[in-house]
Amino acid sequence: MPNGLPFSALALAALLLASLNPDVEQRLETIATAAQNTKEAIRNIRQGMQNFHQGIIELQKLRG
């Protein structure tokens, strides 16, 4: 039996069960939106930290 088979079968069963729920698309869209917002927030935090660090380096250069 290939290594990926049990996971694939489980994923297929989960998708089939999810397809029976009439509002599954709306729930998945909500999850996708939350994931995208989280990704953007992390990107903004990372950029802010990089800018802060660069500012500290520039201040250290001015102090000499």
PDB file of N, CA and C in Angstrom:
ATOM      1  N   MET A   1       0.853  -1.179   0.000  1.00  0.00           N
ATOM      2  CA  MET A   1       0.000   0.000   0.000  1.00  0.00           C
ATOM      3  C   MET A   1       0.899   1.243   0.000  1.00  0.00           C
ATOM      4  N   PRO A   2       0.686   2.199  -0.931  1.00  0.00           N
ATOM      5  CA  PRO A   2       1.495   3.426  -0.972  1.00  0.00           C
ATOM      6  C   PRO A   2       1.319   4.254   0.295  1.00  0.00           C
ATOM      7  N   ASN A   3       2.346   5.026   0.623  1.00  0.00           N
ATOM      8  CA  ASN A   3       2.320   5.814   1.859  1.00  0.00           C
ATOM      9  C   ASN A   3       1.182   6.832   1.906  1.00  0.00           C
ATOM     10  N   GLY A   4       0.820   7.447   0.795  1.00  0.00           N
ATOM     11  CA  GLY A   4      -0.182   8.506   0.790  1.00  0.00           C
ATOM     12  C   GLY A   4      -1.614   8.021   0.735  1.00  0.00           C
ATOM     13  N   LEU A   5      -1.856   6.757   0.533  1.00  0.00           N
ATOM     14  CA  LEU A   5      -3.210   6.256   0.328  1.00  0.00           C
ATOM     15  C   LEU A   5      -4.164   6.494   1.490  1.00  0.00           C
ATOM     16  N   PRO A   6      -3.826   6.186   2.732  1.00  0.00           N
ATOM     17  CA  PRO A   6      -4.801   6.412   3.813  1.00  0.00           C
ATOM     18  C   PRO A   6      -5.204   7.878   3.941  1.00  0.00           C
ATOM     19  N   PHE A   7      -4.225   8.788   3.801  1.00  0.00           N
ATOM     20  CA  PHE A   7      -4.565  10.204   3.899  1.00  0.00           C
ATOM     21  C   PHE A   7      -5.475  10.626   2.754  1.00  0.00           C
ATOM     22  N   SER A   8      -5.185  10.160   1.551  1.00  0.00           N
ATOM     23  CA  SER A   8      -5.994  10.512   0.391  1.00  0.00           C
ATOM     24  C   SER A   8      -7.419   9.985   0.547  1.00  0.00           C
ATOM     25  N   ALA A   9      -7.551   8.769   1.035  1.00  0.00           N
ATOM     26  CA  ALA A   9      -8.879   8.202   1.229  1.00  0.00           C
ATOM     27  C   ALA A   9      -9.632   8.971   2.304  1.00  0.00           C
ATOM     28  N   LEU A  10      -8.926   9.359   3.364  1.00  0.00           N
ATOM     29  CA  LEU A  10      -9.556  10.128   4.434  1.00  0.00           C
ATOM     30  C   LEU A  10      -9.972  11.506   3.924  1.00  0.00           C
ATOM     31  N   ALA A  11      -9.106  12.133   3.134  1.00  0.00           N
ATOM     32  CA  ALA A  11      -9.433  13.446   2.576  1.00  0.00           C
ATOM     33  C   ALA A  11     -10.638  13.347   1.642  1.00  0.00           C
ATOM     34  N   LEU A  12     -10.682  12.325   0.832  1.00  0.00           N
ATOM     35  CA  LEU A  12     -11.811  12.128  -0.076  1.00  0.00           C
ATOM     36  C   LEU A  12     -13.106  11.937   0.708  1.00  0.00           C
ATOM     37  N   ALA A  13     -13.059  11.134   1.760  1.00  0.00           N
ATOM     38  CA  ALA A  13     -14.249  10.913   2.590  1.00  0.00           C
ATOM     39  C   ALA A  13     -14.694  12.224   3.246  1.00  0.00           C
ATOM     40  N   ALA A  14     -13.745  13.018   3.727  1.00  0.00           N
ATOM     41  CA  ALA A  14     -14.086  14.298   4.351  1.00  0.00           C
ATOM     42  C   ALA A  14     -14.716  15.237   3.338  1.00  0.00           C
ATOM     43  N   LEU A  15     -14.174  15.264   2.125  1.00  0.00           N
ATOM     44  CA  LEU A  15     -14.757  16.124   1.082  1.00  0.00           C
ATOM     45  C   LEU A  15     -16.163  15.676   0.713  1.00  0.00           C
ATOM     46  N   LEU A  16     -16.377  14.385   0.626  1.00  0.00           N
ATOM     47  CA  LEU A  16     -17.711  13.886   0.297  1.00  0.00           C
ATOM     48  C   LEU A  16     -18.707  14.233   1.401  1.00  0.00           C
ATOM     49  N   LEU A  17     -18.291  14.084   2.662  1.00  0.00           N
ATOM     50  CA  LEU A  17     -19.179  14.446   3.768  1.00  0.00           C
ATOM     51  C   LEU A  17     -19.445  15.951   3.784  1.00  0.00           C
ATOM     52  N   ALA A  18     -18.419  16.746   3.511  1.00  0.00           N
ATOM     53  CA  ALA A  18     -18.584  18.199   3.502  1.00  0.00           C
ATOM     54  C   ALA A  18     -19.524  18.635   2.389  1.00  0.00           C
ATOM     55  N   SER A  19     -19.505  17.933   1.276  1.00  0.00           N
ATOM     56  CA  SER A  19     -20.353  18.319   0.145  1.00  0.00           C
ATOM     57  C   SER A  19     -21.835  18.149   0.459  1.00  0.00           C
ATOM     58  N   LEU A  20     -22.149  17.363   1.480  1.00  0.00           N
ATOM     59  CA  LEU A  20     -23.545  17.177   1.872  1.00  0.00           C
ATOM     60  C   LEU A  20     -24.093  18.374   2.645  1.00  0.00           C
ATOM     61  N   ASN A  21     -23.199  19.174   3.220  1.00  0.00           N
ATOM     62  CA  ASN A  21     -23.601  20.348   3.997  1.00  0.00           C
ATOM     63  C   ASN A  21     -23.881  21.512   3.043  1.00  0.00           C
ATOM     64  N   PRO A  22     -25.081  22.087   3.074  1.00  0.00           N
ATOM     65  CA  PRO A  22     -25.422  23.132   2.103  1.00  0.00           C
ATOM     66  C   PRO A  22     -24.644  24.442   2.276  1.00  0.00           C
ATOM     67  N   ASP A  23     -24.161  24.748   3.467  1.00  0.00           N
ATOM     68  CA  ASP A  23     -23.467  26.017   3.672  1.00  0.00           C
ATOM     69  C   ASP A  23     -21.955  25.855   3.789  1.00  0.00           C
ATOM     70  N   VAL A  24     -21.434  24.729   3.309  1.00  0.00           N
ATOM     71  CA  VAL A  24     -19.998  24.465   3.425  1.00  0.00           C
ATOM     72  C   VAL A  24     -19.176  25.477   2.624  1.00  0.00           C
ATOM     73  N   GLU A  25     -19.671  25.911   1.477  1.00  0.00           N
ATOM     74  CA  GLU A  25     -18.926  26.873   0.662  1.00  0.00           C
ATOM     75  C   GLU A  25     -18.758  28.198   1.399  1.00  0.00           C
ATOM     76  N   GLN A  26     -19.800  28.650   2.076  1.00  0.00           N
ATOM     77  CA  GLN A  26     -19.711  29.891   2.835  1.00  0.00           C
ATOM     78  C   GLN A  26     -18.723  29.754   3.983  1.00  0.00           C
ATOM     79  N   ARG A  27     -18.740  28.625   4.657  1.00  0.00           N
ATOM     80  CA  ARG A  27     -17.806  28.396   5.766  1.00  0.00           C
ATOM     81  C   ARG A  27     -16.362  28.348   5.265  1.00  0.00           C
ATOM     82  N   LEU A  28     -16.146  27.682   4.140  1.00  0.00           N
ATOM     83  CA  LEU A  28     -14.801  27.617   3.566  1.00  0.00           C
ATOM     84  C   LEU A  28     -14.327  28.997   3.116  1.00  0.00           C
ATOM     85  N   GLU A  29     -15.233  29.790   2.583  1.00  0.00           N
ATOM     86  CA  GLU A  29     -14.882  31.157   2.182  1.00  0.00           C
ATOM     87  C   GLU A  29     -14.487  31.987   3.403  1.00  0.00           C
ATOM     88  N   THR A  30     -15.202  31.813   4.503  1.00  0.00           N
ATOM     89  CA  THR A  30     -14.868  32.514   5.745  1.00  0.00           C
ATOM     90  C   THR A  30     -13.493  32.098   6.253  1.00  0.00           C
ATOM     91  N   ILE A  31     -13.215  30.803   6.203  1.00  0.00           N
ATOM     92  CA  ILE A  31     -11.903  30.304   6.635  1.00  0.00           C
ATOM     93  C   ILE A  31     -10.805  30.844   5.721  1.00  0.00           C
ATOM     94  N   ALA A  32     -11.056  30.854   4.418  1.00  0.00           N
ATOM     95  CA  ALA A  32     -10.063  31.362   3.467  1.00  0.00           C
ATOM     96  C   ALA A  32      -9.795  32.849   3.699  1.00  0.00           C
ATOM     97  N   THR A  33     -10.841  33.613   3.972  1.00  0.00           N
ATOM     98  CA  THR A  33     -10.679  35.043   4.244  1.00  0.00           C
ATOM     99  C   THR A  33      -9.871  35.251   5.523  1.00  0.00           C
ATOM    100  N   ALA A  34     -10.174  34.481   6.550  1.00  0.00           N
ATOM    101  CA  ALA A  34      -9.427  34.594   7.810  1.00  0.00           C
ATOM    102  C   ALA A  34      -7.959  34.237   7.599  1.00  0.00           C
ATOM    103  N   ALA A  35      -7.685  33.201   6.820  1.00  0.00           N
ATOM    104  CA  ALA A  35      -6.302  32.810   6.548  1.00  0.00           C
ATOM    105  C   ALA A  35      -5.575  33.904   5.761  1.00  0.00           C
ATOM    106  N   GLN A  36      -6.233  34.499   4.790  1.00  0.00           N
ATOM    107  CA  GLN A  36      -5.621  35.571   4.003  1.00  0.00           C
ATOM    108  C   GLN A  36      -5.342  36.788   4.884  1.00  0.00           C
ATOM    109  N   ASN A  37      -6.284  37.143   5.744  1.00  0.00           N
ATOM    110  CA  ASN A  37      -6.071  38.279   6.652  1.00  0.00           C
ATOM    111  C   ASN A  37      -4.923  38.019   7.618  1.00  0.00           C
ATOM    112  N   THR A  38      -4.817  36.788   8.093  1.00  0.00           N
ATOM    113  CA  THR A  38      -3.715  36.421   8.980  1.00  0.00           C
ATOM    114  C   THR A  38      -2.383  36.531   8.244  1.00  0.00           C
ATOM    115  N   LYS A  39      -2.345  36.059   7.020  1.00  0.00           N
ATOM    116  CA  LYS A  39      -1.125  36.143   6.199  1.00  0.00           C
ATOM    117  C   LYS A  39      -0.700  37.597   6.011  1.00  0.00           C
ATOM    118  N   GLU A  40      -1.645  38.474   5.705  1.00  0.00           N
ATOM    119  CA  GLU A  40      -1.334  39.887   5.510  1.00  0.00           C
ATOM    120  C   GLU A  40      -0.880  40.545   6.816  1.00  0.00           C
ATOM    121  N   ALA A  41      -1.501  40.179   7.933  1.00  0.00           N
ATOM    122  CA  ALA A  41      -1.105  40.737   9.220  1.00  0.00           C
ATOM    123  C   ALA A  41       0.325  40.329   9.568  1.00  0.00           C
ATOM    124  N   ILE A  42       0.657  39.076   9.334  1.00  0.00           N
ATOM    125  CA  ILE A  42       2.020  38.608   9.608  1.00  0.00           C
ATOM    126  C   ILE A  42       3.011  39.326   8.709  1.00  0.00           C
ATOM    127  N   ARG A  43       2.668  39.509   7.446  1.00  0.00           N
ATOM    128  CA  ARG A  43       3.543  40.222   6.521  1.00  0.00           C
ATOM    129  C   ARG A  43       3.754  41.660   6.999  1.00  0.00           C
ATOM    130  N   ASN A  44       2.704  42.316   7.450  1.00  0.00           N
ATOM    131  CA  ASN A  44       2.819  43.690   7.940  1.00  0.00           C
ATOM    132  C   ASN A  44       3.662  43.771   9.211  1.00  0.00           C
ATOM    133  N   ILE A  45       3.471  42.826  10.110  1.00  0.00           N
ATOM    134  CA  ILE A  45       4.271  42.801  11.342  1.00  0.00           C
ATOM    135  C   ILE A  45       5.740  42.589  11.001  1.00  0.00           C
ATOM    136  N   ARG A  46       6.006  41.650  10.117  1.00  0.00           N
ATOM    137  CA  ARG A  46       7.394  41.375   9.718  1.00  0.00           C
ATOM    138  C   ARG A  46       8.028  42.614   9.080  1.00  0.00           C
ATOM    139  N   GLN A  47       7.293  43.277   8.202  1.00  0.00           N
ATOM    140  CA  GLN A  47       7.816  44.489   7.565  1.00  0.00           C
ATOM    141  C   GLN A  47       8.043  45.588   8.593  1.00  0.00           C
ATOM    142  N   GLY A  48       7.144  45.723   9.544  1.00  0.00           N
ATOM    143  CA  GLY A  48       7.309  46.708  10.605  1.00  0.00           C
ATOM    144  C   GLY A  48       8.542  46.435  11.446  1.00  0.00           C
ATOM    145  N   MET A  49       8.780  45.176  11.766  1.00  0.00           N
ATOM    146  CA  MET A  49       9.966  44.814  12.542  1.00  0.00           C
ATOM    147  C   MET A  49      11.243  45.098  11.751  1.00  0.00           C
ATOM    148  N   GLN A  50      11.217  44.838  10.463  1.00  0.00           N
ATOM    149  CA  GLN A  50      12.382  45.126   9.623  1.00  0.00           C
ATOM    150  C   GLN A  50      12.642  46.635   9.557  1.00  0.00           C
ATOM    151  N   ASN A  51      11.589  47.418   9.425  1.00  0.00           N
ATOM    152  CA  ASN A  51      11.734  48.872   9.396  1.00  0.00           C
ATOM    153  C   ASN A  51      12.273  49.388  10.729  1.00  0.00           C
ATOM    154  N   PHE A  52      11.757  48.846  11.824  1.00  0.00           N
ATOM    155  CA  PHE A  52      12.226  49.233  13.154  1.00  0.00           C
ATOM    156  C   PHE A  52      13.711  48.909  13.307  1.00  0.00           C
ATOM    157  N   HIS A  53      14.087  47.724  12.906  1.00  0.00           N
ATOM    158  CA  HIS A  53      15.481  47.299  13.003  1.00  0.00           C
ATOM    159  C   HIS A  53      16.377  48.202  12.156  1.00  0.00           C
ATOM    160  N   GLN A  54      15.933  48.514  10.956  1.00  0.00           N
ATOM    161  CA  GLN A  54      16.713  49.400  10.090  1.00  0.00           C
ATOM    162  C   GLN A  54      16.849  50.779  10.723  1.00  0.00           C
ATOM    163  N   GLY A  55      15.795  51.256  11.365  1.00  0.00           N
ATOM    164  CA  GLY A  55      15.854  52.543  12.055  1.00  0.00           C
ATOM    165  C   GLY A  55      16.859  52.538  13.191  1.00  0.00           C
ATOM    166  N   ILE A  56      16.894  51.442  13.940  1.00  0.00           N
ATOM    167  CA  ILE A  56      17.860  51.304  15.035  1.00  0.00           C
ATOM    168  C   ILE A  56      19.286  51.326  14.479  1.00  0.00           C
ATOM    169  N   ILE A  57      19.510  50.637  13.380  1.00  0.00           N
ATOM    170  CA  ILE A  57      20.846  50.609  12.765  1.00  0.00           C
ATOM    171  C   ILE A  57      21.244  52.015  12.343  1.00  0.00           C
ATOM    172  N   GLU A  58      20.313  52.758  11.755  1.00  0.00           N
ATOM    173  CA  GLU A  58      20.604  54.123  11.321  1.00  0.00           C
ATOM    174  C   GLU A  58      20.922  55.024  12.517  1.00  0.00           C
ATOM    175  N   LEU A  59      20.206  54.859  13.620  1.00  0.00           N
ATOM    176  CA  LEU A  59      20.496  55.637  14.828  1.00  0.00           C
ATOM    177  C   LEU A  59      21.874  55.311  15.373  1.00  0.00           C
ATOM    178  N   GLN A  60      22.239  54.049  15.354  1.00  0.00           N
ATOM    179  CA  GLN A  60      23.566  53.655  15.826  1.00  0.00           C
ATOM    180  C   GLN A  60      24.660  54.259  14.958  1.00  0.00           C
ATOM    181  N   LYS A  61      24.415  54.357  13.665  1.00  0.00           N
ATOM    182  CA  LYS A  61      25.393  54.977  12.762  1.00  0.00           C
ATOM    183  C   LYS A  61      25.551  56.459  13.080  1.00  0.00           C
ATOM    184  N   LEU A  62      24.466  57.131  13.427  1.00  0.00           N
ATOM    185  CA  LEU A  62      24.523  58.562  13.739  1.00  0.00           C
ATOM    186  C   LEU A  62      25.290  58.808  15.049  1.00  0.00           C
ATOM    187  N   ARG A  63      25.145  57.882  16.002  1.00  0.00           N
ATOM    188  CA  ARG A  63      25.816  58.041  17.294  1.00  0.00           C
ATOM    189  C   ARG A  63      27.316  57.771  17.167  1.00  0.00           C
ATOM    190  N   GLY A  64      27.673  57.052  16.174  1.00  0.00           N
ATOM    191  CA  GLY A  64      29.035  56.916  15.898  1.00  0.00           C
ATOM    192  C   GLY A  64      29.857  55.837  16.280  1.00  0.00           C
TER     193      GLY A  64
END
